[in-house]
Amino acid sequence: MSDRRHFLIVLAHPLETSFAASVAAAARETLEANGHSVDLLDLYREDFDPRLSPAERAGYFDSPYDLSGVAEIVTRLRAADGLVLVFPQWWFNFPAILKGFFDRILAPGVAFTHDQAGGRIIPELTNIKTLWALTSTGSPWWLVHFYMGNPVRRLLKRGIANFCSKSLNFRMLTLHDMDRATPARLEAHIVRVRRALSAI
């Protein structure tokens, strides 16, 4: 077993009985069984407001940026060594509540700072060494990759991972063709998730 770490699992699905919830539970159980500690942030159950407020947007370039509206979640993110995102892909994109998590929590002074010379942003999410996405999509593999260009993976890897941290372990595990998945295939994906996380 590798060194013990603290993971923040962020679940973004409105239904408590969803497959995403099952994946999040399996991820939590697997990480804890391997000696890691886990904080589960269920965005719907914790009634997270994804809307960037007028004050937050108006002060986006202030230094320091006012994090008072999301301070509790920011504290939980800063305490983590790893971030595991669990969500379905809808319209080849993130659920709105997860996009709001990015907008409000991956804020200036948390995930990055503005380069005063202009243009660039400087990564600040240095505590996060692992960023995994456990996701599903109703579309088949070929449509996501060849027709759409796998937009969710691109945004996570090239955008959030590269702009907010350095040299982190990024991985994305996706169940494709979710709408036609049999119970056996759903269970096989849970096994795949457990096996992958056991190697962390």
N, C-alpha and C. Protein backbone atom coordinates (compact mmCIF):
# COMPACT_ATOMS: atom_id res chain seq x y z
N MET A 1 0.84 -1.20 0.00
CA MET A 1 0.00 0.00 0.00
C MET A 1 0.88 1.25 0.00
N SER A 2 0.47 2.26 -0.73
CA SER A 2 1.22 3.51 -0.81
C SER A 2 0.99 4.34 0.45
N ASP A 3 1.62 5.52 0.48
CA ASP A 3 1.47 6.39 1.64
C ASP A 3 0.02 6.83 1.81
N ARG A 4 -0.34 7.09 3.05
CA ARG A 4 -1.72 7.46 3.36
C ARG A 4 -1.97 8.91 3.00
N ARG A 5 -3.11 9.14 2.39
CA ARG A 5 -3.48 10.49 1.97
C ARG A 5 -4.92 10.80 2.37
N HIS A 6 -5.26 12.08 2.22
CA HIS A 6 -6.63 12.51 2.51
C HIS A 6 -7.28 12.94 1.21
N PHE A 7 -8.42 12.33 0.89
CA PHE A 7 -9.11 12.58 -0.37
C PHE A 7 -10.43 13.31 -0.14
N LEU A 8 -10.70 14.26 -1.02
CA LEU A 8 -12.02 14.89 -1.09
C LEU A 8 -12.73 14.29 -2.30
N ILE A 9 -13.82 13.58 -2.05
CA ILE A 9 -14.65 13.05 -3.14
C ILE A 9 -15.81 14.01 -3.33
N VAL A 10 -15.96 14.52 -4.54
CA VAL A 10 -17.05 15.45 -4.86
C VAL A 10 -18.06 14.72 -5.74
N LEU A 11 -19.26 14.52 -5.23
CA LEU A 11 -20.32 13.83 -5.95
C LEU A 11 -21.32 14.85 -6.49
N ALA A 12 -21.63 14.73 -7.78
CA ALA A 12 -22.56 15.67 -8.42
C ALA A 12 -23.66 14.89 -9.14
N HIS A 13 -24.71 14.55 -8.42
CA HIS A 13 -25.88 13.90 -9.02
C HIS A 13 -27.08 14.15 -8.12
N PRO A 14 -28.22 14.49 -8.70
CA PRO A 14 -29.39 14.83 -7.88
C PRO A 14 -30.05 13.64 -7.19
N LEU A 15 -29.84 12.43 -7.67
CA LEU A 15 -30.53 11.27 -7.12
C LEU A 15 -29.63 10.50 -6.15
N GLU A 16 -30.13 10.24 -4.97
CA GLU A 16 -29.36 9.50 -3.97
C GLU A 16 -29.14 8.06 -4.38
N THR A 17 -30.00 7.53 -5.25
CA THR A 17 -29.90 6.13 -5.69
C THR A 17 -29.22 6.01 -7.05
N SER A 18 -28.54 7.02 -7.50
CA SER A 18 -27.92 7.02 -8.83
C SER A 18 -26.72 6.08 -8.89
N PHE A 19 -26.33 5.74 -10.11
CA PHE A 19 -25.11 4.96 -10.31
C PHE A 19 -23.90 5.75 -9.85
N ALA A 20 -23.93 7.06 -10.06
CA ALA A 20 -22.84 7.91 -9.60
C ALA A 20 -22.67 7.80 -8.08
N ALA A 21 -23.77 7.76 -7.36
CA ALA A 21 -23.71 7.61 -5.90
C ALA A 21 -23.08 6.28 -5.53
N SER A 22 -23.41 5.23 -6.28
CA SER A 22 -22.81 3.91 -6.04
C SER A 22 -21.31 3.94 -6.30
N VAL A 23 -20.91 4.64 -7.35
CA VAL A 23 -19.47 4.77 -7.67
C VAL A 23 -18.76 5.54 -6.55
N ALA A 24 -19.37 6.62 -6.09
CA ALA A 24 -18.77 7.41 -5.01
C ALA A 24 -18.62 6.58 -3.74
N ALA A 25 -19.63 5.78 -3.43
CA ALA A 25 -19.57 4.92 -2.24
C ALA A 25 -18.47 3.88 -2.38
N ALA A 26 -18.35 3.30 -3.58
CA ALA A 26 -17.30 2.31 -3.82
C ALA A 26 -15.92 2.95 -3.72
N ALA A 27 -15.80 4.17 -4.25
CA ALA A 27 -14.52 4.88 -4.18
C ALA A 27 -14.14 5.17 -2.73
N ARG A 28 -15.11 5.61 -1.97
CA ARG A 28 -14.84 5.91 -0.56
C ARG A 28 -14.42 4.65 0.20
N GLU A 29 -15.17 3.57 0.02
CA GLU A 29 -14.87 2.31 0.71
C GLU A 29 -13.48 1.80 0.34
N THR A 30 -13.15 1.88 -0.93
CA THR A 30 -11.86 1.37 -1.40
C THR A 30 -10.70 2.19 -0.83
N LEU A 31 -10.82 3.50 -0.89
CA LEU A 31 -9.76 4.36 -0.37
C LEU A 31 -9.58 4.16 1.13
N GLU A 32 -10.69 4.09 1.86
CA GLU A 32 -10.60 3.91 3.31
C GLU A 32 -10.04 2.53 3.66
N ALA A 33 -10.40 1.52 2.87
CA ALA A 33 -9.88 0.17 3.11
C ALA A 33 -8.37 0.10 2.90
N ASN A 34 -7.85 1.02 2.11
CA ASN A 34 -6.42 1.06 1.86
C ASN A 34 -5.69 2.06 2.75
N GLY A 35 -6.36 2.51 3.80
CA GLY A 35 -5.71 3.34 4.80
C GLY A 35 -5.79 4.83 4.59
N HIS A 36 -6.47 5.27 3.52
CA HIS A 36 -6.61 6.70 3.28
C HIS A 36 -7.82 7.24 4.04
N SER A 37 -7.85 8.53 4.28
CA SER A 37 -9.03 9.17 4.85
C SER A 37 -9.80 9.88 3.75
N VAL A 38 -11.11 9.96 3.93
CA VAL A 38 -11.98 10.47 2.87
C VAL A 38 -13.00 11.45 3.44
N ASP A 39 -13.19 12.54 2.72
CA ASP A 39 -14.25 13.51 3.00
C ASP A 39 -15.18 13.51 1.79
N LEU A 40 -16.42 13.09 1.96
CA LEU A 40 -17.37 13.04 0.84
C LEU A 40 -18.18 14.33 0.83
N LEU A 41 -18.06 15.07 -0.26
CA LEU A 41 -18.83 16.28 -0.47
C LEU A 41 -19.90 15.99 -1.52
N ASP A 42 -21.12 15.77 -1.07
CA ASP A 42 -22.25 15.51 -1.95
C ASP A 42 -22.92 16.86 -2.21
N LEU A 43 -22.68 17.41 -3.39
CA LEU A 43 -23.09 18.78 -3.67
C LEU A 43 -24.59 18.99 -3.53
N TYR A 44 -25.39 18.02 -3.97
CA TYR A 44 -26.84 18.16 -3.84
C TYR A 44 -27.30 18.02 -2.40
N ARG A 45 -26.80 17.00 -1.71
CA ARG A 45 -27.23 16.77 -0.34
C ARG A 45 -26.78 17.89 0.59
N GLU A 46 -25.68 18.56 0.26
CA GLU A 46 -25.22 19.68 1.09
C GLU A 46 -25.76 21.02 0.58
N ASP A 47 -26.66 20.94 -0.41
CA ASP A 47 -27.35 22.13 -0.91
C ASP A 47 -26.38 23.21 -1.38
N PHE A 48 -25.36 22.78 -2.12
CA PHE A 48 -24.38 23.73 -2.66
C PHE A 48 -25.03 24.62 -3.71
N ASP A 49 -24.81 25.91 -3.60
CA ASP A 49 -25.33 26.87 -4.59
C ASP A 49 -24.26 27.08 -5.66
N PRO A 50 -24.51 26.64 -6.90
CA PRO A 50 -23.48 26.74 -7.93
C PRO A 50 -23.33 28.13 -8.56
N ARG A 51 -24.20 29.05 -8.17
CA ARG A 51 -24.20 30.36 -8.84
C ARG A 51 -23.10 31.26 -8.29
N LEU A 52 -22.24 31.73 -9.17
CA LEU A 52 -21.27 32.74 -8.81
C LEU A 52 -22.03 34.02 -8.52
N SER A 53 -21.87 34.56 -7.32
CA SER A 53 -22.65 35.72 -6.93
C SER A 53 -22.14 36.99 -7.62
N PRO A 54 -22.97 38.01 -7.71
CA PRO A 54 -22.49 39.29 -8.28
C PRO A 54 -21.26 39.82 -7.54
N ALA A 55 -21.25 39.70 -6.21
CA ALA A 55 -20.10 40.20 -5.44
C ALA A 55 -18.84 39.39 -5.75
N GLU A 56 -18.99 38.05 -5.89
CA GLU A 56 -17.83 37.22 -6.21
C GLU A 56 -17.27 37.58 -7.58
N ARG A 57 -18.15 37.78 -8.55
CA ARG A 57 -17.66 38.13 -9.89
C ARG A 57 -17.04 39.52 -9.91
N ALA A 58 -17.67 40.47 -9.24
CA ALA A 58 -17.16 41.85 -9.22
C ALA A 58 -15.78 41.93 -8.57
N GLY A 59 -15.53 41.03 -7.59
CA GLY A 59 -14.26 41.07 -6.88
C GLY A 59 -13.26 40.06 -7.35
N TYR A 60 -13.45 39.51 -8.56
CA TYR A 60 -12.62 38.40 -9.02
C TYR A 60 -11.14 38.75 -9.11
N PHE A 61 -10.84 40.01 -9.35
CA PHE A 61 -9.44 40.41 -9.47
C PHE A 61 -8.94 41.15 -8.23
N ASP A 62 -9.74 41.13 -7.16
CA ASP A 62 -9.31 41.73 -5.91
C ASP A 62 -8.25 40.85 -5.24
N SER A 63 -7.37 41.46 -4.51
CA SER A 63 -6.38 40.71 -3.74
C SER A 63 -6.35 41.23 -2.31
N PRO A 64 -6.79 40.41 -1.33
CA PRO A 64 -7.24 39.02 -1.51
C PRO A 64 -8.68 38.94 -2.01
N TYR A 65 -8.97 37.83 -2.68
CA TYR A 65 -10.31 37.54 -3.15
C TYR A 65 -11.18 37.13 -1.97
N ASP A 66 -12.41 37.57 -1.94
CA ASP A 66 -13.31 37.27 -0.83
C ASP A 66 -13.91 35.87 -0.97
N LEU A 67 -13.45 34.95 -0.12
CA LEU A 67 -13.91 33.56 -0.15
C LEU A 67 -14.97 33.26 0.91
N SER A 68 -15.49 34.30 1.55
CA SER A 68 -16.37 34.08 2.70
C SER A 68 -17.60 33.25 2.36
N GLY A 69 -18.10 33.35 1.14
CA GLY A 69 -19.31 32.62 0.77
C GLY A 69 -19.10 31.12 0.60
N VAL A 70 -17.85 30.71 0.44
CA VAL A 70 -17.54 29.28 0.21
C VAL A 70 -16.41 28.80 1.12
N ALA A 71 -16.18 29.50 2.21
CA ALA A 71 -15.01 29.26 3.06
C ALA A 71 -14.95 27.82 3.57
N GLU A 72 -16.10 27.26 3.94
CA GLU A 72 -16.09 25.91 4.52
C GLU A 72 -15.63 24.87 3.51
N ILE A 73 -16.11 24.97 2.28
CA ILE A 73 -15.70 24.00 1.26
C ILE A 73 -14.26 24.23 0.85
N VAL A 74 -13.84 25.47 0.77
CA VAL A 74 -12.44 25.77 0.45
C VAL A 74 -11.52 25.15 1.49
N THR A 75 -11.90 25.23 2.76
CA THR A 75 -11.10 24.61 3.83
C THR A 75 -11.00 23.11 3.61
N ARG A 76 -12.09 22.48 3.21
CA ARG A 76 -12.08 21.03 2.95
C ARG A 76 -11.19 20.69 1.75
N LEU A 77 -11.22 21.52 0.72
CA LEU A 77 -10.36 21.29 -0.44
C LEU A 77 -8.88 21.46 -0.08
N ARG A 78 -8.58 22.48 0.70
CA ARG A 78 -7.19 22.74 1.08
C ARG A 78 -6.64 21.65 2.00
N ALA A 79 -7.52 20.93 2.68
CA ALA A 79 -7.07 19.86 3.58
C ALA A 79 -6.77 18.57 2.82
N ALA A 80 -7.14 18.50 1.55
CA ALA A 80 -7.02 17.26 0.78
C ALA A 80 -5.69 17.16 0.04
N ASP A 81 -5.25 15.91 -0.13
CA ASP A 81 -4.11 15.60 -0.99
C ASP A 81 -4.58 15.15 -2.36
N GLY A 82 -5.81 14.64 -2.41
CA GLY A 82 -6.35 14.14 -3.66
C GLY A 82 -7.80 14.58 -3.83
N LEU A 83 -8.21 14.75 -5.08
CA LEU A 83 -9.56 15.17 -5.42
C LEU A 83 -10.14 14.16 -6.39
N VAL A 84 -11.28 13.57 -6.03
CA VAL A 84 -11.97 12.60 -6.89
C VAL A 84 -13.34 13.16 -7.23
N LEU A 85 -13.58 13.39 -8.50
CA LEU A 85 -14.85 13.93 -8.97
C LEU A 85 -15.71 12.79 -9.51
N VAL A 86 -16.94 12.69 -9.05
CA VAL A 86 -17.85 11.64 -9.48
C VAL A 86 -19.10 12.30 -10.05
N PHE A 87 -19.37 12.05 -11.32
CA PHE A 87 -20.47 12.77 -11.98
C PHE A 87 -20.84 12.10 -13.30
N PRO A 88 -22.07 12.33 -13.77
CA PRO A 88 -22.46 11.91 -15.12
C PRO A 88 -22.12 13.03 -16.10
N GLN A 89 -21.91 12.66 -17.34
CA GLN A 89 -21.76 13.67 -18.39
C GLN A 89 -23.12 13.88 -19.04
N TRP A 90 -23.56 15.12 -19.06
CA TRP A 90 -24.82 15.47 -19.69
C TRP A 90 -24.54 16.46 -20.82
N TRP A 91 -25.03 16.15 -22.02
CA TRP A 91 -24.73 16.97 -23.18
C TRP A 91 -23.22 17.16 -23.35
N PHE A 92 -22.48 16.07 -23.14
CA PHE A 92 -21.02 16.06 -23.30
C PHE A 92 -20.34 17.10 -22.42
N ASN A 93 -20.91 17.31 -21.23
CA ASN A 93 -20.37 18.36 -20.36
C ASN A 93 -20.62 17.98 -18.89
N PHE A 94 -20.23 18.89 -18.00
CA PHE A 94 -20.42 18.67 -16.57
C PHE A 94 -21.85 19.00 -16.15
N PRO A 95 -22.38 18.34 -15.12
CA PRO A 95 -23.62 18.82 -14.52
C PRO A 95 -23.43 20.26 -14.06
N ALA A 96 -24.48 21.05 -14.13
CA ALA A 96 -24.37 22.47 -13.79
C ALA A 96 -23.82 22.69 -12.39
N ILE A 97 -24.22 21.83 -11.45
CA ILE A 97 -23.77 22.02 -10.07
C ILE A 97 -22.27 21.81 -9.93
N LEU A 98 -21.69 20.92 -10.75
CA LEU A 98 -20.24 20.70 -10.71
C LEU A 98 -19.51 21.85 -11.39
N LYS A 99 -20.08 22.37 -12.48
CA LYS A 99 -19.48 23.55 -13.11
C LYS A 99 -19.47 24.71 -12.13
N GLY A 100 -20.54 24.84 -11.34
CA GLY A 100 -20.58 25.88 -10.33
C GLY A 100 -19.54 25.67 -9.25
N PHE A 101 -19.26 24.40 -8.91
CA PHE A 101 -18.18 24.09 -7.95
C PHE A 101 -16.86 24.61 -8.50
N PHE A 102 -16.59 24.38 -9.76
CA PHE A 102 -15.35 24.90 -10.37
C PHE A 102 -15.33 26.43 -10.32
N ASP A 103 -16.44 27.04 -10.69
CA ASP A 103 -16.49 28.50 -10.75
C ASP A 103 -16.28 29.15 -9.39
N ARG A 104 -16.89 28.58 -8.35
CA ARG A 104 -16.87 29.22 -7.03
C ARG A 104 -15.73 28.75 -6.13
N ILE A 105 -15.35 27.48 -6.23
CA ILE A 105 -14.35 26.93 -5.31
C ILE A 105 -12.94 27.02 -5.88
N LEU A 106 -12.77 26.77 -7.17
CA LEU A 106 -11.45 26.89 -7.78
C LEU A 106 -11.20 28.35 -8.13
N ALA A 107 -11.15 29.14 -7.09
CA ALA A 107 -11.17 30.60 -7.19
C ALA A 107 -9.76 31.18 -7.05
N PRO A 108 -9.61 32.47 -7.32
CA PRO A 108 -8.31 33.12 -7.09
C PRO A 108 -7.90 32.98 -5.63
N GLY A 109 -6.65 32.67 -5.43
CA GLY A 109 -6.14 32.48 -4.08
C GLY A 109 -6.31 31.06 -3.57
N VAL A 110 -7.08 30.25 -4.31
CA VAL A 110 -7.28 28.85 -3.95
C VAL A 110 -6.63 27.95 -4.99
N ALA A 111 -7.11 28.04 -6.23
CA ALA A 111 -6.60 27.21 -7.31
C ALA A 111 -5.51 27.90 -8.12
N PHE A 112 -5.51 29.22 -8.09
CA PHE A 112 -4.54 29.97 -8.89
C PHE A 112 -4.46 31.39 -8.37
N THR A 113 -3.45 32.09 -8.83
CA THR A 113 -3.38 33.54 -8.63
C THR A 113 -3.17 34.19 -9.99
N HIS A 114 -3.63 35.41 -10.10
CA HIS A 114 -3.46 36.16 -11.35
C HIS A 114 -2.03 36.67 -11.46
N ASP A 115 -1.44 36.48 -12.60
CA ASP A 115 -0.13 37.08 -12.87
C ASP A 115 -0.36 38.57 -13.08
N GLN A 116 0.25 39.38 -12.24
CA GLN A 116 0.02 40.83 -12.31
C GLN A 116 0.50 41.43 -13.63
N ALA A 117 1.38 40.72 -14.31
CA ALA A 117 1.84 41.20 -15.63
C ALA A 117 0.76 40.98 -16.69
N GLY A 118 -0.25 40.21 -16.33
CA GLY A 118 -1.38 40.01 -17.23
C GLY A 118 -1.28 38.72 -18.02
N GLY A 119 -2.44 38.18 -18.35
CA GLY A 119 -2.49 37.02 -19.23
C GLY A 119 -2.50 35.69 -18.51
N ARG A 120 -1.37 35.32 -17.92
CA ARG A 120 -1.24 33.99 -17.33
C ARG A 120 -1.92 33.91 -15.96
N ILE A 121 -2.16 32.67 -15.55
CA ILE A 121 -2.51 32.44 -14.16
C ILE A 121 -1.47 31.50 -13.58
N ILE A 122 -1.22 31.63 -12.30
CA ILE A 122 -0.17 30.86 -11.63
C ILE A 122 -0.83 29.78 -10.78
N PRO A 123 -0.48 28.49 -10.99
CA PRO A 123 -1.10 27.40 -10.23
C PRO A 123 -0.87 27.55 -8.73
N GLU A 124 -1.93 27.33 -7.94
CA GLU A 124 -1.81 27.42 -6.48
C GLU A 124 -2.39 26.19 -5.76
N LEU A 125 -2.97 25.26 -6.51
CA LEU A 125 -3.59 24.10 -5.87
C LEU A 125 -2.53 23.02 -5.65
N THR A 126 -1.44 23.42 -5.03
CA THR A 126 -0.27 22.55 -4.89
C THR A 126 -0.48 21.41 -3.91
N ASN A 127 -1.49 21.50 -3.05
CA ASN A 127 -1.76 20.40 -2.11
C ASN A 127 -2.36 19.19 -2.81
N ILE A 128 -2.99 19.39 -3.96
CA ILE A 128 -3.63 18.29 -4.67
C ILE A 128 -2.61 17.58 -5.56
N LYS A 129 -2.33 16.32 -5.22
CA LYS A 129 -1.37 15.52 -5.97
C LYS A 129 -2.07 14.51 -6.89
N THR A 130 -3.34 14.28 -6.64
CA THR A 130 -4.12 13.31 -7.42
C THR A 130 -5.45 13.93 -7.81
N LEU A 131 -5.78 13.89 -9.09
CA LEU A 131 -7.08 14.35 -9.57
C LEU A 131 -7.66 13.27 -10.48
N TRP A 132 -8.69 12.61 -10.00
CA TRP A 132 -9.35 11.56 -10.78
C TRP A 132 -10.80 11.96 -11.04
N ALA A 133 -11.30 11.57 -12.20
CA ALA A 133 -12.71 11.76 -12.54
C ALA A 133 -13.32 10.39 -12.80
N LEU A 134 -14.39 10.10 -12.09
CA LEU A 134 -15.13 8.85 -12.26
C LEU A 134 -16.49 9.24 -12.82
N THR A 135 -16.71 8.91 -14.08
CA THR A 135 -17.86 9.48 -14.77
C THR A 135 -18.55 8.47 -15.67
N SER A 136 -19.68 8.87 -16.19
CA SER A 136 -20.44 8.02 -17.11
C SER A 136 -21.08 8.90 -18.17
N THR A 137 -21.40 8.28 -19.29
CA THR A 137 -22.08 9.01 -20.36
C THR A 137 -23.02 8.07 -21.09
N GLY A 138 -24.14 8.60 -21.53
CA GLY A 138 -25.08 7.78 -22.28
C GLY A 138 -24.63 7.49 -23.70
N SER A 139 -23.61 8.19 -24.15
CA SER A 139 -23.14 8.04 -25.53
C SER A 139 -22.09 6.94 -25.65
N PRO A 140 -22.00 6.30 -26.80
CA PRO A 140 -20.96 5.29 -26.99
C PRO A 140 -19.57 5.93 -27.08
N TRP A 141 -18.55 5.11 -26.87
CA TRP A 141 -17.17 5.56 -26.84
C TRP A 141 -16.78 6.34 -28.10
N TRP A 142 -17.14 5.79 -29.26
CA TRP A 142 -16.69 6.40 -30.51
C TRP A 142 -17.27 7.80 -30.70
N LEU A 143 -18.51 8.01 -30.24
CA LEU A 143 -19.13 9.33 -30.39
C LEU A 143 -18.44 10.36 -29.49
N VAL A 144 -18.15 9.97 -28.25
CA VAL A 144 -17.47 10.88 -27.32
C VAL A 144 -16.08 11.24 -27.81
N HIS A 145 -15.33 10.26 -28.27
CA HIS A 145 -13.93 10.48 -28.64
C HIS A 145 -13.77 11.06 -30.05
N PHE A 146 -14.39 10.44 -31.03
CA PHE A 146 -14.12 10.82 -32.42
C PHE A 146 -14.99 11.98 -32.91
N TYR A 147 -16.25 12.00 -32.52
CA TYR A 147 -17.13 13.07 -32.98
C TYR A 147 -17.02 14.32 -32.12
N MET A 148 -17.01 14.13 -30.79
CA MET A 148 -17.00 15.26 -29.87
C MET A 148 -15.59 15.64 -29.39
N GLY A 149 -14.62 14.76 -29.55
CA GLY A 149 -13.26 15.08 -29.11
C GLY A 149 -13.05 14.98 -27.62
N ASN A 150 -13.90 14.21 -26.93
CA ASN A 150 -13.78 13.98 -25.49
C ASN A 150 -13.63 15.30 -24.71
N PRO A 151 -14.63 16.19 -24.79
CA PRO A 151 -14.49 17.53 -24.21
C PRO A 151 -14.31 17.56 -22.70
N VAL A 152 -14.97 16.66 -21.98
CA VAL A 152 -14.85 16.68 -20.51
C VAL A 152 -13.42 16.34 -20.09
N ARG A 153 -12.83 15.34 -20.71
CA ARG A 153 -11.45 14.99 -20.37
C ARG A 153 -10.51 16.14 -20.73
N ARG A 154 -10.73 16.77 -21.88
CA ARG A 154 -9.87 17.89 -22.29
C ARG A 154 -9.94 19.02 -21.30
N LEU A 155 -11.16 19.36 -20.87
CA LEU A 155 -11.32 20.47 -19.93
C LEU A 155 -10.66 20.17 -18.58
N LEU A 156 -10.82 18.94 -18.11
CA LEU A 156 -10.22 18.57 -16.83
C LEU A 156 -8.70 18.51 -16.90
N LYS A 157 -8.18 17.85 -17.93
CA LYS A 157 -6.74 17.63 -18.01
C LYS A 157 -5.99 18.88 -18.46
N ARG A 158 -6.40 19.46 -19.57
CA ARG A 158 -5.68 20.61 -20.11
C ARG A 158 -6.02 21.91 -19.40
N GLY A 159 -7.24 21.97 -18.87
CA GLY A 159 -7.66 23.18 -18.19
C GLY A 159 -7.38 23.13 -16.71
N ILE A 160 -8.25 22.46 -15.96
CA ILE A 160 -8.17 22.49 -14.51
C ILE A 160 -6.87 21.89 -13.99
N ALA A 161 -6.52 20.68 -14.43
CA ALA A 161 -5.31 20.03 -13.91
C ALA A 161 -4.06 20.84 -14.22
N ASN A 162 -3.88 21.25 -15.46
CA ASN A 162 -2.66 21.94 -15.86
C ASN A 162 -2.59 23.37 -15.37
N PHE A 163 -3.73 24.03 -15.26
CA PHE A 163 -3.71 25.44 -14.85
C PHE A 163 -3.72 25.64 -13.34
N CYS A 164 -4.17 24.61 -12.59
CA CYS A 164 -4.31 24.78 -11.15
C CYS A 164 -3.24 24.07 -10.33
N SER A 165 -2.57 23.10 -10.92
CA SER A 165 -1.56 22.36 -10.16
C SER A 165 -0.41 21.98 -11.09
N LYS A 166 0.57 21.29 -10.54
CA LYS A 166 1.71 20.85 -11.33
C LYS A 166 2.03 19.41 -10.97
N SER A 167 2.31 18.63 -12.00
CA SER A 167 2.78 17.25 -11.81
C SER A 167 1.84 16.40 -10.96
N LEU A 168 0.54 16.55 -11.20
CA LEU A 168 -0.38 15.72 -10.44
C LEU A 168 -0.73 14.46 -11.22
N ASN A 169 -1.23 13.47 -10.51
CA ASN A 169 -1.66 12.21 -11.10
C ASN A 169 -3.10 12.38 -11.58
N PHE A 170 -3.29 12.48 -12.90
CA PHE A 170 -4.62 12.66 -13.46
C PHE A 170 -5.07 11.37 -14.13
N ARG A 171 -6.32 11.00 -13.86
CA ARG A 171 -6.90 9.84 -14.54
C ARG A 171 -8.40 10.02 -14.62
N MET A 172 -8.98 9.51 -15.71
CA MET A 172 -10.43 9.57 -15.89
C MET A 172 -10.93 8.19 -16.28
N LEU A 173 -11.87 7.67 -15.51
CA LEU A 173 -12.50 6.38 -15.79
C LEU A 173 -13.95 6.62 -16.15
N THR A 174 -14.33 6.22 -17.36
CA THR A 174 -15.67 6.52 -17.86
C THR A 174 -16.41 5.26 -18.26
N LEU A 175 -17.65 5.16 -17.85
CA LEU A 175 -18.54 4.12 -18.36
C LEU A 175 -19.32 4.73 -19.52
N HIS A 176 -19.07 4.24 -20.73
CA HIS A 176 -19.77 4.74 -21.91
C HIS A 176 -21.04 3.93 -22.17
N ASP A 177 -21.92 4.49 -22.98
CA ASP A 177 -23.16 3.82 -23.37
C ASP A 177 -23.97 3.43 -22.14
N MET A 178 -23.98 4.33 -21.16
CA MET A 178 -24.60 4.08 -19.86
C MET A 178 -26.09 3.71 -19.98
N ASP A 179 -26.78 4.33 -20.92
CA ASP A 179 -28.23 4.13 -21.02
C ASP A 179 -28.61 2.70 -21.41
N ARG A 180 -27.66 1.96 -21.97
CA ARG A 180 -27.94 0.58 -22.37
C ARG A 180 -27.11 -0.44 -21.58
N ALA A 181 -26.51 0.02 -20.50
CA ALA A 181 -25.66 -0.87 -19.71
C ALA A 181 -26.49 -1.87 -18.92
N THR A 182 -26.08 -3.12 -18.95
CA THR A 182 -26.73 -4.17 -18.17
C THR A 182 -26.26 -4.10 -16.72
N PRO A 183 -27.00 -4.70 -15.81
CA PRO A 183 -26.54 -4.75 -14.41
C PRO A 183 -25.14 -5.35 -14.28
N ALA A 184 -24.85 -6.36 -15.09
CA ALA A 184 -23.52 -6.99 -15.04
C ALA A 184 -22.44 -6.01 -15.48
N ARG A 185 -22.75 -5.19 -16.48
CA ARG A 185 -21.76 -4.22 -16.96
C ARG A 185 -21.57 -3.09 -15.95
N LEU A 186 -22.63 -2.69 -15.29
CA LEU A 186 -22.51 -1.67 -14.24
C LEU A 186 -21.63 -2.18 -13.10
N GLU A 187 -21.87 -3.43 -12.70
CA GLU A 187 -21.07 -4.01 -11.63
C GLU A 187 -19.61 -4.15 -12.04
N ALA A 188 -19.38 -4.51 -13.31
CA ALA A 188 -18.01 -4.64 -13.80
C ALA A 188 -17.28 -3.31 -13.75
N HIS A 189 -18.01 -2.23 -13.98
CA HIS A 189 -17.37 -0.92 -13.91
C HIS A 189 -17.03 -0.56 -12.47
N ILE A 190 -17.89 -0.90 -11.54
CA ILE A 190 -17.60 -0.68 -10.12
C ILE A 190 -16.33 -1.43 -9.72
N VAL A 191 -16.21 -2.66 -10.20
CA VAL A 191 -15.01 -3.47 -9.92
C VAL A 191 -13.79 -2.79 -10.51
N ARG A 192 -13.93 -2.25 -11.72
CA ARG A 192 -12.82 -1.54 -12.37
C ARG A 192 -12.40 -0.34 -11.55
N VAL A 193 -13.36 0.41 -11.04
CA VAL A 193 -13.07 1.58 -10.21
C VAL A 193 -12.33 1.17 -8.94
N ARG A 194 -12.84 0.13 -8.28
CA ARG A 194 -12.20 -0.34 -7.05
C ARG A 194 -10.76 -0.78 -7.31
N ARG A 195 -10.55 -1.51 -8.39
CA ARG A 195 -9.22 -2.02 -8.71
C ARG A 195 -8.25 -0.86 -8.99
N ALA A 196 -8.72 0.12 -9.74
CA ALA A 196 -7.87 1.26 -10.07
C ALA A 196 -7.50 2.06 -8.82
N LEU A 197 -8.49 2.33 -7.97
CA LEU A 197 -8.23 3.12 -6.78
C LEU A 197 -7.37 2.37 -5.76
N SER A 198 -7.42 1.05 -5.80
CA SER A 198 -6.60 0.26 -4.88
C SER A 198 -5.11 0.44 -5.15
N ALA A 199 -4.79 0.89 -6.36
CA ALA A 199 -3.38 1.06 -6.73
C ALA A 199 -2.81 2.40 -6.31
N ILE A 200 -3.67 3.29 -5.80
CA ILE A 200 -3.18 4.61 -5.37
C ILE A 200 -2.39 4.48 -4.07
